[in-house]
Amino acid sequence: MKIFNFGSINIDHVYQVPHLVKAGETLSASTYQTVLGGKGANQSIAIALAGAEVQHIGKLCILDEQYKEQMQKIGVDCQHIQLVDEASGHAMIQVDSKGENAIVLYAGANQSNSEQELKQALSTAEEDDWLLLQNETNNVALAIEVAHQQGLQVAYNPAPVSAQAQDVDPQHVDLLFVNQVEAAAISDCDELGDQIQYFAEHWPHTDVILTLGKEGALWLHQQQVMKTDAFDVTPVDTTAAGDTFIGFFLAGFAQGQDVETALYKASAAAAICVQCNGASCSIPSLEQVELLLSEIE
């Protein structure tokens, strides 16, 4: 069983500044760092660290090959990551002394994936394999259709919320990951009970994982609901927590774990992630998750 992840790879340029820059102002940063990010890359890293085989489908600028090598060292199969002349997806992030930020995001090469490239990358997939997608690349609906035609199981995280989700056929999605903001946008409902009813009526074929932050997460299948509580920790940085949850859940579920176990381990992984600064670098290993669970038990 393999998980193919058609997802974004972003390079975050992070500047620590005394305050967020104003129009016409030139401001000196006290620190600067570049960090591998993007929902797609984060989720692939989480899947690999959770012990599942994952092949990432995406694009990077040829000048950023080091980030492909970084993913490979973690355990992600990068044979379908193309190095191109176009600029990589990237974000320019200011962080001030109070922790507030301002972000400029450029999608870059993440938006240049063709139908032929997708079909070629999925040509070796088998019927028990999975395709995972997010909304930070182009041709999401097309990729889902290609996967469906090949008999793959499809997991979809419609984040960030965009019009792409409207083109996706719910009948072709086996597993949907949404947080409360995404659930509200898709269902046009603000109340949790109404959202649950919406997914039961409009996504009846799909298992829905609805994450609730510190309140835990729900598994929805038609009229069935299962809840897992979040771990009681003090968060330092919630960046990549959702991606960590998704990666660990899918890795476990695709390898045969029951829903309750997969939810529990995914919640533990997210709890470890939020206690560390950074994005991909804060994603824990399976060994760290199992150690946490053994200490609790």
Protein backbone atom coordinates (compact mmCIF):
# COMPACT_ATOMS: atom_id res chain seq x y z
CA MET A 1 0.00 0.00 0.00
CA LYS A 2 1.32 3.42 -1.02
CA ILE A 3 0.06 6.93 -0.43
CA PHE A 4 0.55 9.35 -3.33
CA ASN A 5 0.41 12.97 -2.17
CA PHE A 6 -0.26 15.54 -4.87
CA GLY A 7 0.63 18.62 -2.86
CA SER A 8 2.36 21.93 -2.48
CA ILE A 9 5.97 22.49 -1.54
CA ASN A 10 6.64 25.99 -0.20
CA ILE A 11 9.76 27.76 1.00
CA ASP A 12 8.98 30.05 3.94
CA HIS A 13 11.20 33.13 4.32
CA VAL A 14 10.74 34.23 7.93
CA TYR A 15 11.87 37.65 9.19
CA GLN A 16 11.80 38.68 12.86
CA VAL A 17 10.96 42.39 13.00
CA PRO A 18 10.24 44.91 15.81
CA HIS A 19 6.87 45.67 14.23
CA LEU A 20 5.08 44.84 10.99
CA VAL A 21 6.36 47.08 8.23
CA LYS A 22 4.23 50.08 7.25
CA ALA A 23 3.65 51.46 3.77
CA GLY A 24 6.76 53.29 2.55
CA GLU A 25 8.87 52.09 5.48
CA THR A 26 12.23 50.30 5.27
CA LEU A 27 12.72 48.06 8.30
CA SER A 28 15.66 45.97 9.46
CA ALA A 29 15.00 42.38 10.55
CA SER A 30 16.82 40.97 13.57
CA THR A 31 16.79 37.38 12.27
CA TYR A 32 16.07 35.57 9.02
CA GLN A 33 15.56 31.90 8.22
CA THR A 34 14.24 29.77 5.38
CA VAL A 35 12.00 26.84 6.29
CA LEU A 36 10.47 24.02 4.26
CA GLY A 37 6.69 24.26 4.37
CA GLY A 38 3.48 23.98 2.39
CA LYS A 39 0.56 21.79 3.37
CA GLY A 40 1.54 19.13 0.87
CA ALA A 41 5.15 18.82 2.02
CA ASN A 42 4.15 18.89 5.69
CA GLN A 43 1.63 16.10 5.21
CA SER A 44 4.05 13.95 3.23
CA ILE A 45 6.66 14.35 5.97
CA ALA A 46 4.09 13.41 8.62
CA ILE A 47 3.07 10.30 6.67
CA ALA A 48 6.69 9.22 6.29
CA LEU A 49 7.47 9.83 9.97
CA ALA A 50 4.33 7.85 10.87
CA GLY A 51 5.81 4.84 9.08
CA ALA A 52 3.86 4.70 5.81
CA GLU A 53 5.19 4.75 2.25
CA VAL A 54 4.47 8.10 0.59
CA GLN A 55 5.34 9.35 -2.88
CA HIS A 56 5.07 13.11 -3.26
CA ILE A 57 3.87 14.64 -6.55
CA GLY A 58 4.83 18.28 -6.99
CA LYS A 59 7.29 20.85 -8.29
CA LEU A 60 10.20 22.91 -7.01
CA CYS A 61 12.50 25.44 -8.63
CA ILE A 62 15.76 23.80 -9.64
CA LEU A 63 17.57 26.26 -7.35
CA ASP A 64 15.71 24.77 -4.35
CA GLU A 65 16.79 21.16 -4.84
CA GLN A 66 18.07 21.07 -1.25
CA TYR A 67 14.48 20.95 -0.01
CA LYS A 68 13.75 17.90 -2.14
CA GLU A 69 16.82 16.28 -0.60
CA GLN A 70 15.57 17.26 2.86
CA MET A 71 12.26 15.47 2.22
CA GLN A 72 14.11 12.41 0.92
CA LYS A 73 16.26 12.20 4.06
CA ILE A 74 13.11 12.15 6.18
CA GLY A 75 11.75 9.23 4.16
CA VAL A 76 9.51 10.77 1.49
CA ASP A 77 9.80 9.17 -1.97
CA CYS A 78 10.51 12.18 -4.20
CA GLN A 79 10.74 10.53 -7.62
CA HIS A 80 7.68 12.54 -8.78
CA ILE A 81 8.97 15.93 -7.61
CA GLN A 82 10.05 17.82 -10.71
CA LEU A 83 12.73 20.50 -10.64
CA VAL A 84 11.71 23.36 -12.93
CA ASP A 85 12.88 26.85 -13.92
CA GLU A 86 9.81 28.52 -12.40
CA ALA A 87 10.08 29.93 -8.88
CA SER A 88 9.03 27.60 -6.08
CA GLY A 89 5.95 28.40 -4.08
CA HIS A 90 7.05 30.61 -1.23
CA ALA A 91 5.91 32.88 1.57
CA MET A 92 7.44 36.11 2.88
CA ILE A 93 6.60 36.13 6.58
CA GLN A 94 7.12 39.00 9.03
CA VAL A 95 6.85 38.13 12.74
CA ASP A 96 6.86 40.96 15.27
CA SER A 97 7.82 41.03 18.96
CA LYS A 98 4.23 40.20 20.00
CA GLY A 99 4.05 37.15 17.76
CA GLU A 100 1.78 38.83 15.20
CA ASN A 101 2.59 38.11 11.56
CA ALA A 102 2.02 39.37 8.04
CA ILE A 103 2.38 36.99 5.12
CA VAL A 104 2.71 37.38 1.36
CA LEU A 105 2.23 34.05 -0.43
CA TYR A 106 3.25 33.22 -4.00
CA ALA A 107 1.99 29.90 -5.39
CA GLY A 108 4.70 29.59 -8.05
CA ALA A 109 5.45 26.13 -9.39
CA ASN A 110 2.68 24.59 -7.29
CA GLN A 111 0.19 25.86 -9.86
CA SER A 112 1.86 24.42 -12.98
CA ASN A 113 0.96 20.72 -12.82
CA SER A 114 -0.44 19.30 -16.06
CA GLU A 115 -2.89 16.45 -16.68
CA GLN A 116 -0.21 14.42 -18.46
CA GLU A 117 2.21 14.80 -15.54
CA LEU A 118 -0.44 13.71 -13.05
CA LYS A 119 -1.37 10.64 -15.08
CA GLN A 120 2.26 9.68 -15.49
CA ALA A 121 2.95 10.01 -11.75
CA LEU A 122 -0.07 7.84 -10.91
CA SER A 123 0.58 5.27 -13.64
CA THR A 124 2.26 2.86 -11.20
CA ALA A 125 -0.46 3.14 -8.55
CA GLU A 126 -2.42 0.04 -7.55
CA GLU A 127 -6.04 -0.26 -6.48
CA ASP A 128 -5.33 -0.40 -2.74
CA ASP A 129 -3.23 2.78 -2.90
CA TRP A 130 -4.36 6.24 -1.80
CA LEU A 131 -4.18 9.72 -3.32
CA LEU A 132 -4.04 12.65 -0.88
CA LEU A 133 -4.65 16.23 -2.01
CA GLN A 134 -4.96 19.77 -0.63
CA ASN A 135 -5.99 23.07 -2.24
CA GLU A 136 -2.53 24.62 -2.69
CA THR A 137 -2.00 23.10 -6.16
CA ASN A 138 -3.88 23.42 -9.43
CA ASN A 139 -5.94 20.63 -11.07
CA VAL A 140 -7.24 19.17 -7.81
CA ALA A 141 -10.57 17.99 -9.24
CA LEU A 142 -8.80 16.54 -12.28
CA ALA A 143 -6.38 14.59 -10.08
CA ILE A 144 -9.30 13.17 -8.09
CA GLU A 145 -10.99 12.02 -11.29
CA VAL A 146 -7.78 10.37 -12.54
CA ALA A 147 -7.39 8.56 -9.22
CA HIS A 148 -11.04 7.47 -9.21
CA GLN A 149 -10.75 6.05 -12.72
CA GLN A 150 -7.76 3.98 -11.59
CA GLY A 151 -9.59 2.65 -8.55
CA LEU A 152 -7.50 4.52 -5.98
CA GLN A 153 -8.92 5.64 -2.66
CA VAL A 154 -8.96 9.42 -2.31
CA ALA A 155 -8.31 11.59 0.76
CA TYR A 156 -8.93 15.33 0.37
CA ASN A 157 -8.08 18.26 2.62
CA PRO A 158 -9.75 21.34 1.05
CA ALA A 159 -7.36 23.82 2.64
CA PRO A 160 -7.05 26.65 2.21
CA VAL A 161 -10.73 26.96 1.30
CA SER A 162 -11.10 27.91 -2.35
CA ALA A 163 -13.44 27.54 -5.31
CA GLN A 164 -11.62 24.33 -6.27
CA ALA A 165 -13.68 22.41 -3.71
CA GLN A 166 -16.85 23.20 -5.69
CA ASP A 167 -15.51 21.21 -8.66
CA VAL A 168 -14.87 18.07 -6.62
CA ASP A 169 -17.38 15.21 -6.86
CA PRO A 170 -18.10 14.00 -3.28
CA GLN A 171 -18.83 10.53 -4.67
CA HIS A 172 -15.17 10.22 -5.61
CA VAL A 173 -13.75 11.20 -2.18
CA ASP A 174 -13.36 8.44 0.40
CA LEU A 175 -11.92 10.52 3.23
CA LEU A 176 -12.41 14.26 3.81
CA PHE A 177 -10.36 16.25 6.33
CA VAL A 178 -11.78 19.63 7.40
CA ASN A 179 -11.36 21.97 10.34
CA GLN A 180 -14.20 24.13 11.66
CA VAL A 181 -13.48 27.02 9.27
CA GLU A 182 -13.41 24.72 6.24
CA ALA A 183 -16.51 22.85 7.38
CA ALA A 184 -18.41 26.12 7.75
CA ALA A 185 -17.32 27.32 4.29
CA ILE A 186 -18.27 24.06 2.56
CA SER A 187 -21.59 23.54 4.37
CA ASP A 188 -22.55 27.23 4.72
CA CYS A 189 -23.45 26.33 8.31
CA ASP A 190 -21.95 27.84 11.48
CA GLU A 191 -23.33 25.37 14.03
CA LEU A 192 -21.54 22.07 14.51
CA GLY A 193 -24.78 20.07 14.54
CA ASP A 194 -25.84 21.60 11.22
CA GLN A 195 -22.41 20.83 9.72
CA ILE A 196 -22.68 17.19 10.78
CA GLN A 197 -26.11 16.95 9.18
CA TYR A 198 -24.84 18.61 6.00
CA PHE A 199 -22.04 16.10 5.52
CA ALA A 200 -24.43 13.21 6.23
CA GLU A 201 -26.73 14.44 3.46
CA HIS A 202 -24.25 15.75 0.87
CA TRP A 203 -21.17 13.54 1.46
CA PRO A 204 -22.85 10.20 2.35
CA HIS A 205 -20.16 8.12 0.62
CA THR A 206 -17.35 9.85 2.50
CA ASP A 207 -15.78 9.40 5.92
CA VAL A 208 -15.34 12.94 7.27
CA ILE A 209 -12.72 13.88 9.85
CA LEU A 210 -13.70 17.20 11.43
CA THR A 211 -10.95 18.65 13.64
CA LEU A 212 -11.99 20.92 16.50
CA GLY A 213 -8.69 22.27 17.82
CA LYS A 214 -8.41 21.90 21.59
CA GLU A 215 -11.83 20.20 21.61
CA GLY A 216 -10.48 17.19 19.71
CA ALA A 217 -11.81 15.69 16.49
CA LEU A 218 -14.89 13.94 15.11
CA TRP A 219 -15.22 11.05 12.68
CA LEU A 220 -18.47 11.28 10.71
CA HIS A 221 -19.97 8.58 8.52
CA GLN A 222 -23.57 9.21 7.51
CA GLN A 223 -25.37 9.45 10.87
CA GLN A 224 -22.54 7.88 12.88
CA VAL A 225 -20.30 10.13 14.99
CA MET A 226 -17.15 9.20 16.94
CA LYS A 227 -15.20 11.73 19.02
CA THR A 228 -11.63 11.75 20.27
CA ASP A 229 -10.41 14.31 22.79
CA ALA A 230 -7.39 16.48 22.25
CA PHE A 231 -4.41 15.99 24.55
CA ASP A 232 -4.11 18.55 27.34
CA VAL A 233 -0.93 20.45 26.46
CA THR A 234 0.18 24.08 26.39
CA PRO A 235 0.71 25.05 22.75
CA VAL A 236 3.79 27.00 21.71
CA ASP A 237 3.20 27.09 17.94
CA THR A 238 0.24 25.49 16.15
CA THR A 239 1.88 25.67 12.71
CA ALA A 240 1.62 22.30 10.91
CA ALA A 241 -0.50 20.73 13.69
CA GLY A 242 -3.36 20.05 11.29
CA ASP A 243 -0.99 18.63 8.68
CA THR A 244 0.59 16.40 11.33
CA PHE A 245 -2.84 15.12 12.37
CA ILE A 246 -3.80 14.37 8.77
CA GLY A 247 -0.53 12.62 7.96
CA PHE A 248 -0.58 10.39 11.04
CA PHE A 249 -4.27 9.54 10.71
CA LEU A 250 -4.02 8.60 7.04
CA ALA A 251 -0.80 6.63 7.57
CA GLY A 252 -2.44 4.54 10.29
CA PHE A 253 -5.85 4.19 8.66
CA ALA A 254 -4.42 3.22 5.27
CA GLN A 255 -2.33 0.53 6.97
CA GLY A 256 -5.36 -1.04 8.61
CA GLN A 257 -5.74 0.73 11.96
CA ASP A 258 -9.32 1.13 13.14
CA VAL A 259 -10.68 4.68 13.20
CA GLU A 260 -10.49 5.05 16.99
CA THR A 261 -6.81 4.06 17.12
CA ALA A 262 -5.88 6.22 14.13
CA LEU A 263 -7.62 9.24 15.67
CA TYR A 264 -5.91 8.68 19.02
CA LYS A 265 -2.41 8.46 17.52
CA ALA A 266 -3.04 11.43 15.22
CA SER A 267 -4.15 13.52 18.20
CA ALA A 268 -1.01 12.52 20.12
CA ALA A 269 1.18 13.50 17.16
CA ALA A 270 -0.55 16.89 16.88
CA ALA A 271 -0.10 17.45 20.64
CA ILE A 272 3.65 16.93 20.31
CA CYS A 273 3.78 19.19 17.24
CA VAL A 274 2.15 22.21 18.94
CA GLN A 275 4.76 22.14 21.72
CA CYS A 276 7.55 22.94 19.21
CA ASN A 277 8.29 25.97 17.06
CA GLY A 278 8.28 25.72 13.29
CA ALA A 279 6.43 23.87 10.56
CA SER A 280 7.89 20.64 9.13
CA CYS A 281 10.62 20.57 11.77
CA SER A 282 8.00 20.27 14.53
CA ILE A 283 6.42 17.07 13.17
CA PRO A 284 7.22 14.15 15.52
CA SER A 285 8.36 10.63 14.70
CA LEU A 286 6.26 7.54 15.32
CA GLU A 287 8.67 6.64 18.14
CA GLN A 288 7.96 9.95 19.89
CA VAL A 289 4.23 9.39 19.58
CA GLU A 290 4.43 5.85 20.92
CA LEU A 291 6.58 7.04 23.83
CA LEU A 292 3.98 9.66 24.75
CA LEU A 293 1.19 7.09 24.62
CA SER A 294 3.15 4.60 26.71
CA GLU A 295 3.72 7.24 29.39
CA ILE A 296 -0.02 7.96 29.51
CA GLU A 297 -0.99 4.31 29.69
